Amino acid sequence: MRPSAAAYVRTFLVLAKSGLRERMHYKANFLITSLLRGLTALADFLIVAVILMRFRVVDGWDMYEVALLYGLASLGNAIYHVAGREMEQIERYLVSGDFDAILVRPWPTLFTLLARKLDFGRLGNGVQGLVVTVIGVNELTRRGALAGWEHVYLFLIPLTSAAIIFAVALATAAAGFWLIRTDDLQVFTTYAPVTASYYPLSIYPGWLKGMLYTLIPMAFGNYLPVRYLLGKGGSPWVLLLAPVVGALALWLAYRLWLTGETRYQSTGS
């Protein structure tokens, strides 16, 4: 009999608590690592902020508007990485044959893989993303560019962004059942597109924008909703379409994962 949804949630929470408690055995290391990750990510934005302070705008986006884009994308990426870290190690599991041990567990393989190690150190990236977001929101609210219900919708954007990143990473991991080697592919499908989503997509060439709107739909994670909320174009329907795209991408990626499982061959086969 398959475990109930409540059983999945309880098990995941127990594993999350265990993983956090394990990290807390070395509190200083955990805090310093999280802080350094946050500062490193913040330094990346500060470089962009300095450029924008000099040139004022980039393709119609000023520093605070880019801060909102950057902060929300960073929050989404941090949420994804807390649970999605092991998915990025799929090549190691497939090459070494360690995926065999996951197959014999009583839980679905994806659940088992994700629950093996929750990377709470990524919360540092989330903190810097929150700081940058708050800076952008405060200034844009003062100007009147954001108001009322728009603030509420902002809470949904990092979740949508995390869902889309997760879906793309899952599809890439699923491709490993055919390709085995996925580390280089991850750079193209996940790392580079996530970095691109930190900035206005209008600055990129047409072929890249086309890819980020369709095959790797990072545009729906933060750019398209933020563009509409700031009055820079687009349809109000994008506010509904963005989470729908996130949910659909997750479903398609999971179906690809299940199909890929049937193609898995152990290193001993």
Protein backbone atom coordinates (compact mmCIF):
# COMPACT_ATOMS: atom_id res chain seq x y z
CA MET A 1 0.00 0.00 0.00
CA ARG A 2 1.34 3.42 -0.94
CA PRO A 3 2.03 5.81 1.97
CA SER A 4 -0.49 8.61 2.42
CA ALA A 5 0.29 12.25 1.65
CA ALA A 6 0.36 12.92 5.41
CA ALA A 7 2.98 10.18 5.82
CA TYR A 8 5.18 11.84 3.19
CA VAL A 9 4.92 15.18 4.95
CA ARG A 10 5.63 13.71 8.39
CA THR A 11 8.61 11.75 7.12
CA PHE A 12 10.04 14.74 5.27
CA LEU A 13 9.66 16.96 8.35
CA VAL A 14 11.38 14.37 10.54
CA LEU A 15 14.26 14.13 8.07
CA ALA A 16 14.45 17.92 7.81
CA LYS A 17 14.59 18.24 11.58
CA SER A 18 17.27 15.56 11.76
CA GLY A 19 19.33 17.27 9.04
CA LEU A 20 19.09 20.65 10.76
CA ARG A 21 20.02 19.14 14.11
CA GLU A 22 23.04 17.51 12.46
CA ARG A 23 24.17 20.87 11.07
CA MET A 24 23.66 22.48 14.48
CA HIS A 25 26.28 20.18 16.00
CA TYR A 26 28.73 22.59 14.35
CA LYS A 27 26.87 25.86 14.85
CA ALA A 28 29.82 28.12 14.18
CA ASN A 29 30.61 26.36 10.90
CA PHE A 30 26.95 26.46 9.84
CA LEU A 31 26.55 30.16 10.64
CA ILE A 32 29.85 31.20 9.07
CA THR A 33 29.18 29.16 5.90
CA SER A 34 25.68 30.61 5.57
CA LEU A 35 26.98 34.13 6.17
CA LEU A 36 29.77 33.78 3.61
CA ARG A 37 27.36 32.44 1.00
CA GLY A 38 25.04 35.35 1.65
CA LEU A 39 27.83 37.91 1.47
CA THR A 40 29.20 36.39 -1.74
CA ALA A 41 25.79 36.58 -3.38
CA LEU A 42 25.28 40.11 -2.07
CA ALA A 43 28.63 41.17 -3.53
CA ASP A 44 27.41 40.06 -6.97
CA PHE A 45 24.45 42.41 -6.70
CA LEU A 46 26.55 45.27 -5.35
CA ILE A 47 28.68 45.14 -8.50
CA VAL A 48 25.53 45.50 -10.59
CA ALA A 49 24.25 48.26 -8.28
CA VAL A 50 27.46 50.26 -8.75
CA ILE A 51 27.09 50.00 -12.53
CA LEU A 52 23.46 51.11 -12.32
CA MET A 53 24.35 54.04 -10.06
CA ARG A 54 26.68 55.21 -12.82
CA PHE A 55 24.43 54.61 -15.82
CA ARG A 56 21.07 55.00 -14.00
CA VAL A 57 19.09 52.50 -16.08
CA VAL A 58 19.63 49.32 -18.07
CA ASP A 59 17.09 48.93 -20.85
CA GLY A 60 14.55 50.95 -18.86
CA TRP A 61 15.17 49.22 -15.49
CA ASP A 62 16.73 51.24 -12.68
CA MET A 63 18.67 49.95 -9.67
CA TYR A 64 15.66 49.39 -7.40
CA GLU A 65 13.66 47.62 -10.09
CA VAL A 66 16.60 45.32 -10.79
CA ALA A 67 16.95 44.84 -7.01
CA LEU A 68 13.39 43.52 -6.90
CA LEU A 69 14.06 41.12 -9.78
CA TYR A 70 17.37 40.01 -8.30
CA GLY A 71 16.08 39.57 -4.75
CA LEU A 72 13.02 37.53 -5.72
CA ALA A 73 15.07 35.28 -8.03
CA SER A 74 17.66 34.80 -5.29
CA LEU A 75 14.93 33.84 -2.80
CA GLY A 76 13.51 31.30 -5.25
CA ASN A 77 16.95 29.83 -5.89
CA ALA A 78 17.62 29.53 -2.15
CA ILE A 79 14.30 27.75 -1.55
CA TYR A 80 15.09 25.30 -4.33
CA HIS A 81 18.61 24.56 -3.10
CA VAL A 82 17.56 23.69 0.44
CA ALA A 83 15.87 20.52 -0.83
CA GLY A 84 17.23 20.11 -4.35
CA ARG A 85 20.95 19.76 -3.68
CA GLU A 86 21.13 15.97 -4.04
CA MET A 87 19.31 16.11 -7.36
CA GLU A 88 22.32 17.95 -8.76
CA GLN A 89 24.51 14.99 -7.70
CA ILE A 90 22.60 12.51 -9.88
CA GLU A 91 25.66 11.80 -12.05
CA ARG A 92 27.52 10.51 -9.01
CA TYR A 93 24.62 8.21 -8.09
CA LEU A 94 24.36 6.80 -11.59
CA VAL A 95 28.08 6.33 -12.23
CA SER A 96 28.82 4.73 -8.85
CA GLY A 97 25.69 2.60 -8.76
CA ASP A 98 24.51 4.22 -5.53
CA PHE A 99 21.12 4.71 -7.14
CA ASP A 100 20.55 0.98 -6.57
CA ALA A 101 20.25 1.68 -2.83
CA ILE A 102 17.59 4.29 -3.51
CA LEU A 103 15.59 1.88 -5.66
CA VAL A 104 15.24 -0.68 -2.88
CA ARG A 105 13.80 1.84 -0.41
CA PRO A 106 10.03 1.65 0.22
CA TRP A 107 9.57 5.30 -0.79
CA PRO A 108 9.50 6.78 -4.31
CA THR A 109 13.03 7.34 -5.56
CA LEU A 110 12.71 11.10 -5.96
CA PHE A 111 11.41 11.53 -2.42
CA THR A 112 14.24 9.37 -1.07
CA LEU A 113 16.84 11.28 -3.05
CA LEU A 114 15.62 14.72 -1.94
CA ALA A 115 15.32 13.69 1.69
CA ARG A 116 18.88 12.33 1.91
CA LYS A 117 20.41 15.73 2.56
CA LEU A 118 18.72 19.08 3.07
CA ASP A 119 21.19 21.92 2.58
CA PHE A 120 20.16 24.49 5.20
CA GLY A 121 23.38 26.36 4.55
CA ARG A 122 21.66 27.81 1.48
CA LEU A 123 19.47 29.87 3.79
CA GLY A 124 22.25 32.46 3.76
CA ASN A 125 21.51 33.11 0.10
CA GLY A 126 17.86 33.50 1.02
CA VAL A 127 18.68 36.12 3.65
CA GLN A 128 20.61 38.28 1.19
CA GLY A 129 17.81 37.82 -1.33
CA LEU A 130 15.31 39.00 1.26
CA VAL A 131 17.43 42.05 2.11
CA VAL A 132 17.77 43.06 -1.55
CA THR A 133 14.04 42.49 -2.11
CA VAL A 134 13.09 44.65 0.87
CA ILE A 135 15.34 47.45 -0.36
CA GLY A 136 13.70 47.35 -3.77
CA VAL A 137 10.14 47.07 -2.41
CA ASN A 138 10.60 49.98 0.01
CA GLU A 139 11.78 52.38 -2.68
CA LEU A 140 9.24 51.23 -5.28
CA THR A 141 6.43 51.54 -2.72
CA ARG A 142 7.58 55.06 -1.83
CA ARG A 143 7.36 55.99 -5.51
CA GLY A 144 3.92 54.44 -5.84
CA ALA A 145 5.09 51.77 -8.29
CA LEU A 146 3.90 49.03 -5.90
CA ALA A 147 0.85 49.16 -3.67
CA GLY A 148 -1.82 47.08 -1.94
CA TRP A 149 -2.43 43.59 -3.35
CA GLU A 150 0.78 43.76 -5.38
CA HIS A 151 2.76 43.36 -2.16
CA VAL A 152 0.82 40.18 -1.39
CA TYR A 153 1.53 38.73 -4.84
CA LEU A 154 5.26 39.26 -4.30
CA PHE A 155 5.20 36.42 -1.74
CA LEU A 156 4.09 34.01 -4.49
CA ILE A 157 6.90 34.90 -6.90
CA PRO A 158 9.81 33.14 -5.07
CA LEU A 159 7.66 30.00 -4.73
CA THR A 160 6.88 30.02 -8.45
CA SER A 161 10.53 30.67 -9.22
CA ALA A 162 11.64 27.80 -6.96
CA ALA A 163 9.12 25.46 -8.62
CA ILE A 164 10.39 26.28 -12.11
CA ILE A 165 14.04 25.91 -11.10
CA PHE A 166 13.20 22.60 -9.44
CA ALA A 167 11.37 21.40 -12.55
CA VAL A 168 14.28 22.28 -14.85
CA ALA A 169 16.78 20.65 -12.49
CA LEU A 170 14.59 17.55 -12.20
CA ALA A 171 14.26 17.24 -15.99
CA THR A 172 18.05 17.58 -16.27
CA ALA A 173 18.55 14.90 -13.62
CA ALA A 174 16.06 12.65 -15.41
CA ALA A 175 18.07 13.03 -18.61
CA GLY A 176 20.88 11.34 -16.72
CA PHE A 177 19.09 7.99 -17.03
CA TRP A 178 19.85 8.19 -20.74
CA LEU A 179 23.04 10.31 -20.77
CA ILE A 180 24.63 9.26 -17.43
CA ARG A 181 26.87 12.34 -17.48
CA THR A 182 24.87 15.45 -16.57
CA ASP A 183 27.26 17.83 -14.81
CA ASP A 184 28.02 19.84 -17.97
CA LEU A 185 24.37 19.79 -19.00
CA GLN A 186 23.37 21.31 -15.64
CA VAL A 187 25.48 24.36 -16.40
CA PHE A 188 23.50 24.96 -19.59
CA THR A 189 20.01 24.09 -18.34
CA THR A 190 20.07 25.24 -14.72
CA TYR A 191 23.01 27.35 -13.52
CA ALA A 192 23.26 29.76 -16.47
CA PRO A 193 19.46 30.29 -16.87
CA VAL A 194 19.05 30.91 -13.13
CA THR A 195 21.79 33.54 -13.25
CA ALA A 196 20.18 35.10 -16.32
CA SER A 197 16.85 35.38 -14.46
CA TYR A 198 18.41 37.77 -11.93
CA TYR A 199 18.31 40.57 -14.50
CA PRO A 200 15.80 41.97 -17.03
CA LEU A 201 15.45 39.39 -19.79
CA SER A 202 14.96 42.17 -22.33
CA ILE A 203 18.73 42.75 -22.33
CA TYR A 204 19.44 39.31 -23.80
CA PRO A 205 19.49 38.30 -27.49
CA GLY A 206 16.32 36.93 -29.04
CA TRP A 207 17.37 33.26 -29.08
CA LEU A 208 18.12 33.32 -25.35
CA LYS A 209 14.87 35.09 -24.50
CA GLY A 210 12.99 32.53 -26.58
CA MET A 211 14.58 29.70 -24.63
CA LEU A 212 13.83 31.33 -21.25
CA TYR A 213 10.18 31.80 -22.27
CA THR A 214 9.66 28.23 -23.50
CA LEU A 215 12.09 25.33 -23.13
CA ILE A 216 13.55 26.62 -19.85
CA PRO A 217 10.71 28.90 -18.67
CA MET A 218 12.62 30.98 -16.12
CA ALA A 219 10.85 34.11 -17.43
CA PHE A 220 7.67 33.05 -15.63
CA GLY A 221 9.51 32.72 -12.32
CA ASN A 222 10.06 36.41 -11.70
CA TYR A 223 10.59 38.55 -14.82
CA LEU A 224 7.14 38.48 -16.42
CA PRO A 225 5.17 38.96 -13.17
CA VAL A 226 7.49 41.75 -11.95
CA ARG A 227 7.41 43.45 -15.35
CA TYR A 228 3.63 43.61 -15.20
CA LEU A 229 3.50 44.71 -11.55
CA LEU A 230 5.86 47.59 -12.31
CA GLY A 231 3.80 48.71 -15.30
CA LYS A 232 6.45 47.80 -17.86
CA GLY A 233 4.17 45.78 -20.11
CA GLY A 234 2.50 42.42 -20.34
CA SER A 235 -0.96 41.12 -19.55
CA PRO A 236 -2.54 40.70 -16.09
CA TRP A 237 -3.09 37.09 -17.10
CA VAL A 238 0.61 36.47 -16.55
CA LEU A 239 0.00 36.67 -12.78
CA LEU A 240 -2.18 33.58 -13.08
CA LEU A 241 -0.18 31.95 -15.84
CA ALA A 242 3.13 32.04 -13.95
CA PRO A 243 2.16 29.60 -11.14
CA VAL A 244 0.32 27.45 -13.70
CA VAL A 245 3.53 27.19 -15.73
CA GLY A 246 5.41 26.29 -12.55
CA ALA A 247 2.95 23.51 -11.68
CA LEU A 248 2.87 22.18 -15.26
CA ALA A 249 6.67 22.20 -15.50
CA LEU A 250 6.89 20.21 -12.25
CA TRP A 251 4.39 17.63 -13.53
CA LEU A 252 6.14 17.21 -16.88
CA ALA A 253 9.56 16.93 -15.24
CA TYR A 254 8.29 14.30 -12.81
CA ARG A 255 6.76 12.27 -15.62
CA LEU A 256 10.14 12.40 -17.39
CA TRP A 257 11.80 11.21 -14.16
CA LEU A 258 9.42 8.24 -13.88
CA THR A 259 10.05 7.34 -17.52
CA GLY A 260 13.79 7.63 -16.99
CA GLU A 261 13.66 5.26 -14.03
CA THR A 262 12.50 2.48 -16.33
CA ARG A 263 15.63 3.00 -18.41
CA TYR A 264 18.04 2.84 -15.45
CA GLN A 265 20.72 0.16 -15.67
CA SER A 266 22.86 -0.56 -12.65
CA THR A 267 26.63 -0.49 -13.02
CA GLY A 268 26.51 -4.24 -12.37
CA SER A 269 24.04 -4.97 -15.16
